[in-house]
Amino acid sequence: MNAPSPSTAVTVEYQPRPDRFAIILAGGSGTRLWPLSRASMPKQLLTLNGTESLLQQTARRLLPLVYPQQVLTVTHKDHRFEVAGQLHNVQARLAEQVLAEPIGRNTLPAIAWAVAKIAQINPDAVIGVFSSDHAVADEASFLQAWLAAEEA
């Protein structure tokens, strides 16, 4: 199969929307990738496949479709400062939206807390929820899938 020539390639313009929000789940105990990850530095905070941590890659991947101030990141209180620092290195506004759980209660309570915060800002928000520890090679397909999910 031939790749499209530059003159026939389709260019997609991504735009954030005022009603679109993203939640990044950045919890985790650092046990699944031991000995690389530890309780003090779980997998999402490690640089495993490039120059940025998985968390930073996740945040950067979302920015074509969501304003940085509309990305909420939920983490454990023990990781709050590392998470905020890493997000600040991607875009300063991301660091302002870190929610730190005093006790990790798994995925559903983390999502519910962030959704409650978003609902106070915009009760009609469209919200995407994303894990902070996934590597995504084809970011264009990822963004297209997000847009398709919104339309479904």
N, C-alpha and C. Protein backbone atom coordinates (compact mmCIF):
# COMPACT_ATOMS: atom_id res chain seq x y z
N MET A 1 0.85 -1.17 0.00
CA MET A 1 0.00 0.00 0.00
C MET A 1 0.89 1.23 0.00
N ASN A 2 0.55 2.20 -0.79
CA ASN A 2 1.35 3.41 -0.90
C ASN A 2 0.88 4.45 0.09
N ALA A 3 1.83 5.14 0.66
CA ALA A 3 1.50 6.25 1.57
C ALA A 3 1.03 7.42 0.73
N PRO A 4 0.11 8.24 1.26
CA PRO A 4 -0.34 9.40 0.49
C PRO A 4 0.82 10.35 0.26
N SER A 5 0.83 10.94 -0.92
CA SER A 5 1.86 11.93 -1.21
C SER A 5 1.56 13.19 -0.42
N PRO A 6 2.57 14.04 -0.19
CA PRO A 6 2.33 15.25 0.60
C PRO A 6 1.21 16.11 0.03
N SER A 7 0.99 16.08 -1.28
CA SER A 7 -0.06 16.92 -1.86
C SER A 7 -1.45 16.36 -1.61
N THR A 8 -1.57 15.03 -1.31
CA THR A 8 -2.88 14.45 -1.07
C THR A 8 -3.12 14.09 0.39
N ALA A 9 -2.12 14.28 1.23
CA ALA A 9 -2.28 13.94 2.65
C ALA A 9 -3.32 14.85 3.29
N VAL A 10 -4.11 14.28 4.17
CA VAL A 10 -5.15 15.05 4.86
C VAL A 10 -4.56 15.65 6.12
N THR A 11 -4.76 16.95 6.28
CA THR A 11 -4.30 17.63 7.48
C THR A 11 -5.52 17.88 8.37
N VAL A 12 -5.42 17.46 9.60
CA VAL A 12 -6.52 17.64 10.54
C VAL A 12 -6.15 18.77 11.49
N GLU A 13 -7.06 19.71 11.64
CA GLU A 13 -6.87 20.80 12.58
C GLU A 13 -7.53 20.42 13.90
N TYR A 14 -6.77 20.36 14.95
CA TYR A 14 -7.30 20.07 16.27
C TYR A 14 -7.52 21.38 17.00
N GLN A 15 -8.66 21.49 17.66
CA GLN A 15 -8.97 22.69 18.41
C GLN A 15 -9.54 22.31 19.77
N PRO A 16 -9.03 22.92 20.83
CA PRO A 16 -9.70 22.75 22.12
C PRO A 16 -11.09 23.36 22.06
N ARG A 17 -11.97 22.89 22.92
CA ARG A 17 -13.32 23.44 23.04
C ARG A 17 -13.52 23.88 24.48
N PRO A 18 -14.31 24.92 24.70
CA PRO A 18 -14.54 25.39 26.06
C PRO A 18 -15.26 24.37 26.95
N ASP A 19 -15.99 23.43 26.35
CA ASP A 19 -16.72 22.44 27.15
C ASP A 19 -15.99 21.11 27.26
N ARG A 20 -14.78 21.00 26.71
CA ARG A 20 -14.03 19.74 26.75
C ARG A 20 -13.03 19.78 27.90
N PHE A 21 -13.07 18.74 28.72
CA PHE A 21 -12.16 18.59 29.85
C PHE A 21 -11.50 17.22 29.78
N ALA A 22 -10.37 17.08 30.43
CA ALA A 22 -9.68 15.80 30.51
C ALA A 22 -9.28 15.54 31.95
N ILE A 23 -9.37 14.29 32.32
CA ILE A 23 -8.91 13.83 33.63
C ILE A 23 -7.76 12.85 33.38
N ILE A 24 -6.63 13.13 34.01
CA ILE A 24 -5.50 12.20 33.95
C ILE A 24 -5.42 11.49 35.29
N LEU A 25 -5.44 10.17 35.25
CA LEU A 25 -5.30 9.36 36.46
C LEU A 25 -3.83 9.04 36.65
N ALA A 26 -3.25 9.59 37.71
CA ALA A 26 -1.82 9.42 37.96
C ALA A 26 -1.57 8.80 39.32
N GLY A 27 -2.40 7.83 39.67
CA GLY A 27 -2.19 7.09 40.91
C GLY A 27 -1.29 5.90 40.64
N GLY A 28 -1.21 5.04 41.57
CA GLY A 28 -0.39 3.85 41.38
C GLY A 28 0.63 3.73 42.49
N SER A 29 0.92 2.48 42.80
CA SER A 29 1.79 2.23 43.95
C SER A 29 3.22 1.89 43.56
N GLY A 30 3.49 1.79 42.27
CA GLY A 30 4.87 1.52 41.85
C GLY A 30 5.30 0.09 42.03
N THR A 31 4.35 -0.86 42.01
CA THR A 31 4.72 -2.26 42.23
C THR A 31 4.80 -3.08 40.95
N ARG A 32 4.15 -2.66 39.88
CA ARG A 32 4.05 -3.50 38.69
C ARG A 32 5.31 -3.52 37.84
N LEU A 33 6.14 -2.52 37.95
CA LEU A 33 7.34 -2.46 37.12
C LEU A 33 8.59 -2.45 38.00
N TRP A 34 8.48 -3.06 39.16
CA TRP A 34 9.61 -3.16 40.06
C TRP A 34 10.71 -3.94 39.36
N PRO A 35 11.96 -3.60 39.45
CA PRO A 35 12.55 -2.65 40.38
C PRO A 35 12.68 -1.23 39.82
N LEU A 36 12.26 -0.99 38.57
CA LEU A 36 12.36 0.37 38.04
C LEU A 36 11.46 1.33 38.79
N SER A 37 10.20 0.93 38.98
CA SER A 37 9.29 1.81 39.71
C SER A 37 9.21 1.37 41.16
N ARG A 38 9.02 2.33 42.01
CA ARG A 38 8.93 2.11 43.46
C ARG A 38 7.77 2.93 43.99
N ALA A 39 7.45 2.77 45.23
CA ALA A 39 6.36 3.54 45.84
C ALA A 39 6.62 5.03 45.71
N SER A 40 7.85 5.44 45.81
CA SER A 40 8.18 6.87 45.73
C SER A 40 8.26 7.38 44.29
N MET A 41 8.35 6.48 43.31
CA MET A 41 8.46 6.88 41.91
C MET A 41 7.77 5.83 41.03
N PRO A 42 6.43 5.86 40.97
CA PRO A 42 5.70 4.87 40.17
C PRO A 42 5.93 5.06 38.68
N LYS A 43 5.51 4.07 37.92
CA LYS A 43 5.79 3.98 36.48
C LYS A 43 5.47 5.27 35.72
N GLN A 44 4.35 5.90 36.00
CA GLN A 44 3.96 7.08 35.22
C GLN A 44 4.92 8.26 35.39
N LEU A 45 5.72 8.25 36.42
CA LEU A 45 6.68 9.33 36.66
C LEU A 45 8.07 9.04 36.09
N LEU A 46 8.23 7.86 35.52
CA LEU A 46 9.52 7.46 34.97
C LEU A 46 9.62 7.81 33.48
N THR A 47 10.84 8.07 33.05
CA THR A 47 11.13 8.26 31.63
C THR A 47 11.55 6.90 31.09
N LEU A 48 10.66 6.25 30.37
CA LEU A 48 10.91 4.88 29.91
C LEU A 48 11.14 4.78 28.41
N ASN A 49 10.56 5.70 27.64
CA ASN A 49 10.61 5.55 26.18
C ASN A 49 10.81 6.91 25.49
N GLY A 50 11.77 7.64 25.92
CA GLY A 50 12.03 8.93 25.30
C GLY A 50 12.64 9.88 26.31
N THR A 51 12.30 11.15 26.18
CA THR A 51 12.88 12.17 27.04
C THR A 51 11.91 12.69 28.08
N GLU A 52 10.65 12.23 28.03
CA GLU A 52 9.65 12.66 29.00
C GLU A 52 9.07 11.45 29.71
N SER A 53 8.55 11.69 30.91
CA SER A 53 7.88 10.61 31.64
C SER A 53 6.58 10.24 30.92
N LEU A 54 6.03 9.10 31.27
CA LEU A 54 4.75 8.70 30.70
C LEU A 54 3.66 9.72 31.04
N LEU A 55 3.70 10.28 32.24
CA LEU A 55 2.75 11.33 32.62
C LEU A 55 2.89 12.55 31.70
N GLN A 56 4.10 13.00 31.48
CA GLN A 56 4.32 14.16 30.62
C GLN A 56 3.86 13.87 29.19
N GLN A 57 4.14 12.68 28.70
CA GLN A 57 3.68 12.32 27.37
C GLN A 57 2.16 12.34 27.29
N THR A 58 1.50 11.85 28.33
CA THR A 58 0.03 11.85 28.36
C THR A 58 -0.50 13.27 28.31
N ALA A 59 0.02 14.14 29.16
CA ALA A 59 -0.45 15.52 29.19
C ALA A 59 -0.23 16.21 27.85
N ARG A 60 0.94 16.06 27.28
CA ARG A 60 1.25 16.69 25.99
C ARG A 60 0.33 16.17 24.89
N ARG A 61 0.03 14.87 24.94
CA ARG A 61 -0.84 14.24 23.95
C ARG A 61 -2.25 14.83 23.97
N LEU A 62 -2.71 15.29 25.12
CA LEU A 62 -4.08 15.81 25.26
C LEU A 62 -4.22 17.26 24.81
N LEU A 63 -3.14 18.02 24.85
CA LEU A 63 -3.22 19.47 24.64
C LEU A 63 -3.75 19.91 23.28
N PRO A 64 -3.63 19.15 22.21
CA PRO A 64 -4.27 19.61 20.97
C PRO A 64 -5.79 19.72 21.07
N LEU A 65 -6.41 19.00 22.01
CA LEU A 65 -7.87 18.99 22.09
C LEU A 65 -8.44 19.62 23.35
N VAL A 66 -7.60 19.97 24.31
CA VAL A 66 -8.14 20.52 25.56
C VAL A 66 -7.21 21.62 26.06
N TYR A 67 -7.82 22.68 26.59
CA TYR A 67 -7.03 23.77 27.17
C TYR A 67 -6.32 23.25 28.42
N PRO A 68 -5.09 23.69 28.68
CA PRO A 68 -4.35 23.17 29.84
C PRO A 68 -5.06 23.39 31.17
N GLN A 69 -5.78 24.49 31.31
CA GLN A 69 -6.48 24.74 32.57
C GLN A 69 -7.71 23.83 32.72
N GLN A 70 -8.02 23.04 31.69
CA GLN A 70 -9.16 22.13 31.75
C GLN A 70 -8.71 20.66 31.78
N VAL A 71 -7.47 20.47 32.20
CA VAL A 71 -6.93 19.13 32.43
C VAL A 71 -6.73 18.98 33.94
N LEU A 72 -7.46 18.07 34.54
CA LEU A 72 -7.29 17.78 35.97
C LEU A 72 -6.53 16.48 36.11
N THR A 73 -5.54 16.46 36.97
CA THR A 73 -4.74 15.26 37.20
C THR A 73 -4.94 14.83 38.64
N VAL A 74 -5.34 13.59 38.82
CA VAL A 74 -5.56 13.04 40.16
C VAL A 74 -4.41 12.12 40.50
N THR A 75 -3.82 12.35 41.66
CA THR A 75 -2.69 11.55 42.12
C THR A 75 -2.80 11.36 43.64
N HIS A 76 -1.86 10.64 44.19
CA HIS A 76 -1.79 10.46 45.64
C HIS A 76 -1.00 11.63 46.24
N LYS A 77 -1.31 11.98 47.46
CA LYS A 77 -0.64 13.12 48.11
C LYS A 77 0.88 12.96 48.14
N ASP A 78 1.36 11.74 48.20
CA ASP A 78 2.81 11.52 48.23
C ASP A 78 3.51 11.90 46.93
N HIS A 79 2.75 11.97 45.85
CA HIS A 79 3.33 12.26 44.53
C HIS A 79 2.96 13.64 44.02
N ARG A 80 2.20 14.39 44.81
CA ARG A 80 1.67 15.67 44.35
C ARG A 80 2.74 16.61 43.77
N PHE A 81 3.83 16.79 44.49
CA PHE A 81 4.84 17.76 44.06
C PHE A 81 5.60 17.27 42.83
N GLU A 82 5.91 16.00 42.76
CA GLU A 82 6.57 15.46 41.57
C GLU A 82 5.66 15.55 40.36
N VAL A 83 4.39 15.20 40.53
CA VAL A 83 3.42 15.29 39.43
C VAL A 83 3.28 16.74 38.97
N ALA A 84 3.10 17.66 39.91
CA ALA A 84 2.96 19.08 39.54
C ALA A 84 4.21 19.59 38.84
N GLY A 85 5.37 19.21 39.33
CA GLY A 85 6.62 19.65 38.70
C GLY A 85 6.77 19.13 37.28
N GLN A 86 6.45 17.85 37.10
CA GLN A 86 6.55 17.29 35.75
C GLN A 86 5.54 17.94 34.81
N LEU A 87 4.33 18.17 35.30
CA LEU A 87 3.32 18.81 34.45
C LEU A 87 3.71 20.26 34.13
N HIS A 88 4.28 20.95 35.09
CA HIS A 88 4.73 22.32 34.86
C HIS A 88 5.74 22.37 33.72
N ASN A 89 6.58 21.36 33.62
CA ASN A 89 7.57 21.31 32.54
C ASN A 89 6.93 21.11 31.17
N VAL A 90 5.71 20.61 31.13
CA VAL A 90 4.98 20.48 29.87
C VAL A 90 4.27 21.79 29.55
N GLN A 91 3.52 22.30 30.53
CA GLN A 91 2.77 23.56 30.38
C GLN A 91 2.41 24.01 31.79
N ALA A 92 2.77 25.21 32.16
CA ALA A 92 2.64 25.68 33.54
C ALA A 92 1.23 25.55 34.09
N ARG A 93 0.21 25.81 33.27
CA ARG A 93 -1.18 25.76 33.76
C ARG A 93 -1.59 24.36 34.20
N LEU A 94 -0.95 23.33 33.63
CA LEU A 94 -1.29 21.96 34.02
C LEU A 94 -1.01 21.70 35.49
N ALA A 95 0.03 22.33 36.02
CA ALA A 95 0.43 22.11 37.41
C ALA A 95 -0.58 22.68 38.40
N GLU A 96 -1.41 23.60 37.96
CA GLU A 96 -2.40 24.23 38.83
C GLU A 96 -3.62 23.35 39.08
N GLN A 97 -3.76 22.29 38.31
CA GLN A 97 -4.97 21.46 38.37
C GLN A 97 -4.70 20.05 38.89
N VAL A 98 -3.77 19.92 39.83
CA VAL A 98 -3.46 18.62 40.40
C VAL A 98 -4.30 18.42 41.66
N LEU A 99 -5.05 17.33 41.67
CA LEU A 99 -5.84 16.95 42.84
C LEU A 99 -5.10 15.81 43.54
N ALA A 100 -4.82 15.99 44.81
CA ALA A 100 -4.05 14.99 45.57
C ALA A 100 -4.94 14.27 46.56
N GLU A 101 -5.13 13.00 46.36
CA GLU A 101 -5.94 12.18 47.27
C GLU A 101 -5.15 11.92 48.55
N PRO A 102 -5.78 12.10 49.71
CA PRO A 102 -5.07 11.79 50.96
C PRO A 102 -4.85 10.29 51.13
N ILE A 103 -5.78 9.50 50.59
CA ILE A 103 -5.68 8.04 50.62
C ILE A 103 -6.13 7.53 49.26
N GLY A 104 -5.31 6.70 48.62
CA GLY A 104 -5.69 6.14 47.33
C GLY A 104 -6.88 5.21 47.48
N ARG A 105 -7.92 5.47 46.71
CA ARG A 105 -9.15 4.66 46.78
C ARG A 105 -9.50 4.02 45.46
N ASN A 106 -8.55 3.90 44.56
CA ASN A 106 -8.74 3.28 43.25
C ASN A 106 -9.38 4.24 42.25
N THR A 107 -9.73 3.70 41.10
CA THR A 107 -10.09 4.50 39.94
C THR A 107 -11.40 5.25 40.09
N LEU A 108 -12.46 4.59 40.46
CA LEU A 108 -13.78 5.24 40.47
C LEU A 108 -13.83 6.47 41.38
N PRO A 109 -13.37 6.40 42.63
CA PRO A 109 -13.40 7.62 43.45
C PRO A 109 -12.54 8.75 42.89
N ALA A 110 -11.42 8.42 42.27
CA ALA A 110 -10.57 9.45 41.67
C ALA A 110 -11.30 10.15 40.54
N ILE A 111 -11.95 9.37 39.69
CA ILE A 111 -12.72 9.96 38.58
C ILE A 111 -13.88 10.78 39.12
N ALA A 112 -14.60 10.24 40.10
CA ALA A 112 -15.77 10.94 40.65
C ALA A 112 -15.37 12.29 41.25
N TRP A 113 -14.25 12.34 41.95
CA TRP A 113 -13.78 13.60 42.54
C TRP A 113 -13.50 14.63 41.46
N ALA A 114 -12.78 14.21 40.43
CA ALA A 114 -12.45 15.14 39.34
C ALA A 114 -13.71 15.58 38.60
N VAL A 115 -14.62 14.65 38.34
CA VAL A 115 -15.87 15.00 37.66
C VAL A 115 -16.68 16.00 38.49
N ALA A 116 -16.71 15.82 39.80
CA ALA A 116 -17.43 16.77 40.66
C ALA A 116 -16.81 18.17 40.56
N LYS A 117 -15.49 18.25 40.51
CA LYS A 117 -14.82 19.55 40.35
C LYS A 117 -15.17 20.18 39.00
N ILE A 118 -15.15 19.36 37.96
CA ILE A 118 -15.47 19.86 36.62
C ILE A 118 -16.92 20.31 36.55
N ALA A 119 -17.82 19.57 37.15
CA ALA A 119 -19.24 19.92 37.13
C ALA A 119 -19.50 21.28 37.77
N GLN A 120 -18.68 21.65 38.75
CA GLN A 120 -18.81 22.98 39.36
C GLN A 120 -18.44 24.08 38.37
N ILE A 121 -17.52 23.78 37.46
CA ILE A 121 -17.06 24.74 36.46
C ILE A 121 -18.00 24.77 35.27
N ASN A 122 -18.36 23.58 34.78
CA ASN A 122 -19.21 23.46 33.60
C ASN A 122 -20.04 22.19 33.71
N PRO A 123 -21.30 22.32 34.11
CA PRO A 123 -22.14 21.13 34.28
C PRO A 123 -22.43 20.38 32.97
N ASP A 124 -22.17 21.02 31.83
CA ASP A 124 -22.39 20.38 30.53
C ASP A 124 -21.09 19.93 29.88
N ALA A 125 -20.06 19.78 30.65
CA ALA A 125 -18.74 19.42 30.12
C ALA A 125 -18.75 18.05 29.45
N VAL A 126 -17.92 17.94 28.44
CA VAL A 126 -17.59 16.66 27.81
C VAL A 126 -16.24 16.27 28.40
N ILE A 127 -16.17 15.09 29.01
CA ILE A 127 -14.99 14.71 29.79
C ILE A 127 -14.38 13.42 29.25
N GLY A 128 -13.08 13.46 29.03
CA GLY A 128 -12.32 12.25 28.71
C GLY A 128 -11.46 11.88 29.90
N VAL A 129 -11.33 10.59 30.14
CA VAL A 129 -10.53 10.09 31.26
C VAL A 129 -9.38 9.27 30.69
N PHE A 130 -8.15 9.57 31.13
CA PHE A 130 -6.96 8.98 30.54
C PHE A 130 -5.98 8.51 31.60
N SER A 131 -5.43 7.35 31.36
CA SER A 131 -4.40 6.81 32.24
C SER A 131 -3.09 7.53 31.96
N SER A 132 -2.29 7.72 32.99
CA SER A 132 -1.02 8.43 32.84
C SER A 132 0.15 7.51 32.54
N ASP A 133 -0.09 6.22 32.46
CA ASP A 133 1.05 5.30 32.31
C ASP A 133 1.00 4.47 31.03
N HIS A 134 0.36 5.01 29.99
CA HIS A 134 0.31 4.32 28.71
C HIS A 134 1.22 5.02 27.71
N ALA A 135 1.91 4.23 26.92
CA ALA A 135 2.69 4.77 25.81
C ALA A 135 1.82 4.67 24.56
N VAL A 136 1.72 5.75 23.80
CA VAL A 136 0.91 5.78 22.59
C VAL A 136 1.82 6.19 21.44
N ALA A 137 2.02 5.29 20.50
CA ALA A 137 2.92 5.57 19.38
C ALA A 137 2.28 6.44 18.31
N ASP A 138 0.99 6.24 18.05
CA ASP A 138 0.30 6.96 16.98
C ASP A 138 -0.64 7.99 17.60
N GLU A 139 -0.11 9.16 17.88
CA GLU A 139 -0.90 10.18 18.57
C GLU A 139 -2.02 10.73 17.70
N ALA A 140 -1.83 10.81 16.39
CA ALA A 140 -2.91 11.28 15.52
C ALA A 140 -4.11 10.35 15.59
N SER A 141 -3.87 9.04 15.58
CA SER A 141 -4.97 8.08 15.70
C SER A 141 -5.63 8.18 17.07
N PHE A 142 -4.83 8.41 18.11
CA PHE A 142 -5.37 8.59 19.45
C PHE A 142 -6.34 9.78 19.47
N LEU A 143 -5.92 10.91 18.91
CA LEU A 143 -6.76 12.10 18.90
C LEU A 143 -8.03 11.88 18.07
N GLN A 144 -7.89 11.20 16.96
CA GLN A 144 -9.06 10.89 16.13
C GLN A 144 -10.03 9.97 16.88
N ALA A 145 -9.49 9.01 17.63
CA ALA A 145 -10.35 8.13 18.41
C ALA A 145 -11.09 8.90 19.49
N TRP A 146 -10.42 9.86 20.13
CA TRP A 146 -11.07 10.69 21.14
C TRP A 146 -12.22 11.47 20.51
N LEU A 147 -11.98 12.08 19.36
CA LEU A 147 -13.03 12.84 18.69
C LEU A 147 -14.18 11.93 18.27
N ALA A 148 -13.87 10.73 17.79
CA ALA A 148 -14.91 9.78 17.41
C ALA A 148 -15.73 9.36 18.62
N ALA A 149 -15.09 9.18 19.76
CA ALA A 149 -15.81 8.80 20.97
C ALA A 149 -16.78 9.91 21.40
N GLU A 150 -16.38 11.15 21.22
CA GLU A 150 -17.27 12.26 21.56
C GLU A 150 -18.51 12.28 20.68
N GLU A 151 -18.35 11.87 19.45
CA GLU A 151 -19.47 11.87 18.50
C GLU A 151 -20.40 10.69 18.69
N ALA A 152 -19.91 9.63 19.32
CA ALA A 152 -20.71 8.39 19.47
C ALA A 152 -21.86 8.58 20.44
